[in-house]
């Protein structure tokens, strides 16, 4: 069994240019439950402020990053089981 002292940051982003990017943590696999529903297209989240940024289709911004939309609600990040059948997704 793994130790349960793993704490997730209040804010995390998958964009390497963001100050909230953490490659080691993302490699472990993070799952996001938003308002009780599993989300797989999350680009960034903030637990304390209660929002996520999700990709909007395949639309891209001028700099090549995906267009995002900010949604407000209850954010629950968790570590995915690395030995389970769930593949690591975006955050």
N, C-alpha and C. Protein backbone atom coordinates (compact mmCIF):
# COMPACT_ATOMS: atom_id res chain seq x y z
N UNK A 1 0.83 -1.19 0.00
CA UNK A 1 0.00 0.00 0.00
C UNK A 1 0.87 1.25 0.00
N UNK A 2 0.37 2.27 -0.62
CA UNK A 2 1.11 3.53 -0.64
C UNK A 2 0.76 4.35 0.58
N UNK A 3 1.62 5.26 0.93
CA UNK A 3 1.38 6.13 2.08
C UNK A 3 0.27 7.12 1.74
N UNK A 4 -0.54 7.47 2.72
CA UNK A 4 -1.64 8.40 2.51
C UNK A 4 -1.25 9.84 2.83
N UNK A 5 0.03 10.12 3.04
CA UNK A 5 0.45 11.48 3.36
C UNK A 5 0.71 12.32 2.10
N UNK A 6 0.37 11.79 0.94
CA UNK A 6 0.52 12.54 -0.30
C UNK A 6 -0.54 13.64 -0.35
N UNK A 7 -0.08 14.88 -0.35
CA UNK A 7 -1.03 15.99 -0.44
C UNK A 7 -0.90 16.63 -1.80
N UNK A 8 -2.02 16.98 -2.37
CA UNK A 8 -2.05 17.62 -3.67
C UNK A 8 -2.05 19.13 -3.49
N UNK A 9 -1.45 19.87 -4.41
CA UNK A 9 -1.42 21.33 -4.28
C UNK A 9 -2.80 21.93 -4.47
N UNK A 10 -2.97 23.13 -3.95
CA UNK A 10 -4.23 23.85 -4.08
C UNK A 10 -4.49 24.21 -5.54
N UNK A 11 -3.43 24.45 -6.29
CA UNK A 11 -3.56 24.84 -7.70
C UNK A 11 -2.53 24.10 -8.53
N UNK A 12 -2.95 23.60 -9.70
CA UNK A 12 -2.06 22.84 -10.57
C UNK A 12 -2.47 23.07 -12.02
N UNK A 13 -1.47 23.17 -12.91
CA UNK A 13 -1.72 23.38 -14.34
C UNK A 13 -0.88 22.40 -15.15
N UNK A 14 -1.36 22.06 -16.35
CA UNK A 14 -0.59 21.15 -17.21
C UNK A 14 0.29 21.90 -18.20
N UNK A 15 0.14 23.22 -18.28
CA UNK A 15 0.94 24.04 -19.19
C UNK A 15 2.32 24.28 -18.57
N UNK A 16 3.40 23.84 -19.25
CA UNK A 16 4.75 24.02 -18.71
C UNK A 16 5.15 25.49 -18.49
N UNK A 17 4.49 26.43 -19.15
CA UNK A 17 4.81 27.85 -18.97
C UNK A 17 4.15 28.44 -17.73
N UNK A 18 3.26 27.71 -17.10
CA UNK A 18 2.55 28.20 -15.92
C UNK A 18 3.42 28.06 -14.66
N UNK A 19 3.33 29.00 -13.72
CA UNK A 19 4.07 28.86 -12.47
C UNK A 19 3.49 27.75 -11.58
N UNK A 20 2.32 27.23 -11.93
CA UNK A 20 1.67 26.18 -11.15
C UNK A 20 1.87 24.79 -11.77
N UNK A 21 2.81 24.65 -12.68
CA UNK A 21 3.13 23.40 -13.35
C UNK A 21 4.03 22.56 -12.46
N UNK A 22 3.75 21.26 -12.32
CA UNK A 22 4.58 20.34 -11.54
C UNK A 22 4.67 19.02 -12.30
N UNK A 23 5.75 18.86 -13.07
CA UNK A 23 5.90 17.70 -13.95
C UNK A 23 5.92 16.38 -13.19
N UNK A 24 6.61 16.34 -12.06
CA UNK A 24 6.70 15.10 -11.29
C UNK A 24 5.33 14.65 -10.78
N UNK A 25 4.56 15.58 -10.30
CA UNK A 25 3.23 15.25 -9.80
C UNK A 25 2.29 14.83 -10.93
N UNK A 26 2.36 15.50 -12.07
CA UNK A 26 1.52 15.14 -13.21
C UNK A 26 1.87 13.75 -13.74
N UNK A 27 3.15 13.38 -13.66
CA UNK A 27 3.57 12.06 -14.12
C UNK A 27 2.97 10.95 -13.27
N UNK A 28 2.70 11.23 -12.02
CA UNK A 28 2.07 10.24 -11.12
C UNK A 28 0.63 9.98 -11.50
N UNK A 29 -0.03 10.96 -12.10
CA UNK A 29 -1.42 10.81 -12.52
C UNK A 29 -2.38 11.49 -11.55
N UNK A 30 -3.03 12.51 -12.00
CA UNK A 30 -3.99 13.27 -11.18
C UNK A 30 -5.36 13.14 -11.83
N UNK A 31 -6.36 12.89 -11.01
CA UNK A 31 -7.74 12.86 -11.47
C UNK A 31 -8.48 14.04 -10.87
N UNK A 32 -9.50 14.53 -11.55
CA UNK A 32 -10.29 15.65 -11.06
C UNK A 32 -11.77 15.26 -11.07
N UNK A 33 -12.39 15.44 -9.94
CA UNK A 33 -13.84 15.28 -9.83
C UNK A 33 -14.40 16.69 -9.65
N UNK A 34 -15.25 17.12 -10.56
CA UNK A 34 -15.82 18.47 -10.53
C UNK A 34 -17.32 18.35 -10.36
N UNK A 35 -17.83 18.88 -9.25
CA UNK A 35 -19.25 18.76 -8.91
C UNK A 35 -19.72 17.31 -8.97
N UNK A 36 -18.85 16.39 -8.53
CA UNK A 36 -19.18 14.98 -8.48
C UNK A 36 -19.02 14.21 -9.77
N UNK A 37 -18.56 14.87 -10.84
CA UNK A 37 -18.40 14.23 -12.15
C UNK A 37 -16.92 14.21 -12.52
N UNK A 38 -16.44 13.06 -12.99
CA UNK A 38 -15.05 12.92 -13.42
C UNK A 38 -14.81 13.73 -14.69
N UNK A 39 -13.78 14.58 -14.67
CA UNK A 39 -13.43 15.40 -15.84
C UNK A 39 -12.06 14.95 -16.34
N UNK A 40 -11.93 14.81 -17.67
CA UNK A 40 -10.65 14.38 -18.26
C UNK A 40 -10.01 15.45 -19.12
N UNK A 41 -10.67 16.59 -19.31
CA UNK A 41 -10.12 17.64 -20.17
C UNK A 41 -9.72 18.89 -19.38
N UNK A 42 -9.32 18.72 -18.13
CA UNK A 42 -8.97 19.85 -17.26
C UNK A 42 -7.55 20.33 -17.58
N UNK A 43 -7.41 21.61 -17.82
CA UNK A 43 -6.10 22.21 -18.09
C UNK A 43 -5.47 22.77 -16.82
N UNK A 44 -6.31 23.24 -15.88
CA UNK A 44 -5.83 23.85 -14.64
C UNK A 44 -6.96 23.79 -13.62
N UNK A 45 -6.59 23.71 -12.33
CA UNK A 45 -7.62 23.75 -11.29
C UNK A 45 -7.15 24.56 -10.10
N UNK A 46 -8.09 25.03 -9.29
CA UNK A 46 -7.80 25.71 -8.03
C UNK A 46 -8.88 25.28 -7.04
N UNK A 47 -8.48 24.56 -6.00
CA UNK A 47 -9.43 24.04 -5.02
C UNK A 47 -9.99 25.16 -4.15
N UNK A 48 -9.13 26.03 -3.62
CA UNK A 48 -9.58 27.06 -2.69
C UNK A 48 -10.53 28.06 -3.33
N UNK A 49 -10.34 28.38 -4.61
CA UNK A 49 -11.22 29.32 -5.29
C UNK A 49 -12.39 28.61 -5.97
N UNK A 50 -12.34 27.27 -6.06
CA UNK A 50 -13.44 26.48 -6.60
C UNK A 50 -13.66 26.64 -8.10
N UNK A 51 -12.61 26.48 -8.91
CA UNK A 51 -12.77 26.56 -10.36
C UNK A 51 -11.83 25.60 -11.07
N UNK A 52 -12.18 25.28 -12.32
CA UNK A 52 -11.32 24.53 -13.22
C UNK A 52 -11.32 25.24 -14.56
N UNK A 53 -10.27 25.02 -15.33
CA UNK A 53 -10.22 25.49 -16.72
C UNK A 53 -10.23 24.24 -17.59
N UNK A 54 -11.18 24.18 -18.51
CA UNK A 54 -11.29 23.03 -19.40
C UNK A 54 -11.10 23.47 -20.84
N UNK A 55 -10.55 22.57 -21.63
CA UNK A 55 -10.35 22.85 -23.05
C UNK A 55 -11.71 22.92 -23.75
N UNK A 56 -11.83 23.84 -24.70
CA UNK A 56 -13.06 24.02 -25.46
C UNK A 56 -12.84 23.42 -26.84
N UNK A 57 -13.25 22.19 -27.02
CA UNK A 57 -13.09 21.51 -28.30
C UNK A 57 -11.63 21.43 -28.73
N UNK A 58 -11.38 21.57 -30.00
CA UNK A 58 -10.02 21.54 -30.54
C UNK A 58 -9.54 22.92 -30.96
N UNK A 59 -10.25 23.95 -30.54
CA UNK A 59 -9.90 25.32 -30.89
C UNK A 59 -8.60 25.72 -30.21
N UNK A 60 -7.73 26.38 -30.95
CA UNK A 60 -6.43 26.80 -30.42
C UNK A 60 -6.32 28.32 -30.40
N UNK A 61 -5.59 28.83 -29.41
CA UNK A 61 -5.30 30.26 -29.31
C UNK A 61 -4.16 30.59 -30.27
N UNK A 62 -3.83 31.85 -30.37
CA UNK A 62 -2.77 32.29 -31.28
C UNK A 62 -1.42 31.68 -30.95
N UNK A 63 -1.16 31.45 -29.65
CA UNK A 63 0.15 30.91 -29.26
C UNK A 63 0.20 29.39 -29.34
N UNK A 64 -0.86 28.74 -29.82
CA UNK A 64 -0.86 27.30 -29.98
C UNK A 64 -1.43 26.53 -28.79
N UNK A 65 -1.78 27.23 -27.74
CA UNK A 65 -2.37 26.56 -26.58
C UNK A 65 -3.88 26.42 -26.80
N UNK A 66 -4.50 25.42 -26.16
CA UNK A 66 -5.94 25.25 -26.36
C UNK A 66 -6.75 26.38 -25.74
N UNK A 67 -7.86 26.73 -26.38
CA UNK A 67 -8.80 27.70 -25.81
C UNK A 67 -9.45 27.04 -24.61
N UNK A 68 -9.62 27.81 -23.53
CA UNK A 68 -10.19 27.24 -22.32
C UNK A 68 -11.39 28.06 -21.83
N UNK A 69 -12.16 27.40 -20.97
CA UNK A 69 -13.31 28.03 -20.35
C UNK A 69 -13.22 27.74 -18.85
N UNK A 70 -13.51 28.75 -18.04
CA UNK A 70 -13.43 28.62 -16.59
C UNK A 70 -14.81 28.25 -16.04
N UNK A 71 -14.86 27.15 -15.27
CA UNK A 71 -16.10 26.69 -14.66
C UNK A 71 -15.96 26.75 -13.15
N UNK A 72 -17.00 27.19 -12.45
CA UNK A 72 -16.96 27.28 -10.99
C UNK A 72 -17.78 26.15 -10.37
N UNK A 73 -17.27 25.63 -9.25
CA UNK A 73 -17.96 24.56 -8.53
C UNK A 73 -17.03 23.88 -7.55
N UNK A 74 -17.41 22.70 -7.08
CA UNK A 74 -16.62 21.95 -6.12
C UNK A 74 -15.56 21.14 -6.86
N UNK A 75 -14.28 21.36 -6.51
CA UNK A 75 -13.15 20.70 -7.16
C UNK A 75 -12.53 19.70 -6.19
N UNK A 76 -12.40 18.43 -6.63
CA UNK A 76 -11.81 17.38 -5.81
C UNK A 76 -10.70 16.68 -6.59
N UNK A 77 -9.44 17.08 -6.41
CA UNK A 77 -8.34 16.37 -7.07
C UNK A 77 -7.96 15.13 -6.28
N UNK A 78 -7.45 14.11 -6.97
CA UNK A 78 -6.99 12.89 -6.32
C UNK A 78 -5.89 12.25 -7.16
N UNK A 79 -5.08 11.43 -6.51
CA UNK A 79 -4.04 10.70 -7.22
C UNK A 79 -4.66 9.45 -7.83
N UNK A 80 -4.39 9.21 -9.09
CA UNK A 80 -4.89 8.00 -9.75
C UNK A 80 -4.06 6.81 -9.30
N UNK A 81 -4.65 5.65 -9.32
CA UNK A 81 -3.95 4.42 -8.97
C UNK A 81 -3.05 4.03 -10.14
N UNK A 82 -1.75 4.01 -9.94
CA UNK A 82 -0.81 3.71 -11.01
C UNK A 82 -0.88 2.25 -11.45
N UNK A 83 -1.36 1.34 -10.61
CA UNK A 83 -1.45 -0.08 -10.97
C UNK A 83 -2.83 -0.45 -11.51
N UNK A 84 -3.76 0.47 -11.47
CA UNK A 84 -5.12 0.18 -11.92
C UNK A 84 -5.29 0.34 -13.41
N UNK A 85 -6.50 0.17 -13.87
CA UNK A 85 -6.81 0.21 -15.29
C UNK A 85 -7.01 1.63 -15.79
N UNK A 86 -7.14 2.61 -14.88
CA UNK A 86 -7.38 3.98 -15.32
C UNK A 86 -6.11 4.59 -15.92
N UNK A 87 -6.14 5.06 -17.16
CA UNK A 87 -4.97 5.72 -17.72
C UNK A 87 -4.83 7.13 -17.18
N UNK A 88 -3.60 7.59 -17.08
CA UNK A 88 -3.37 8.97 -16.63
C UNK A 88 -3.84 9.90 -17.74
N UNK A 89 -4.67 10.85 -17.39
CA UNK A 89 -5.21 11.78 -18.37
C UNK A 89 -4.59 13.15 -18.14
N UNK A 90 -5.20 14.17 -18.71
CA UNK A 90 -4.77 15.55 -18.43
C UNK A 90 -4.77 15.70 -16.93
N UNK A 91 -4.60 16.58 -16.30
CA UNK A 91 -4.60 16.69 -14.85
C UNK A 91 -5.42 15.60 -14.30
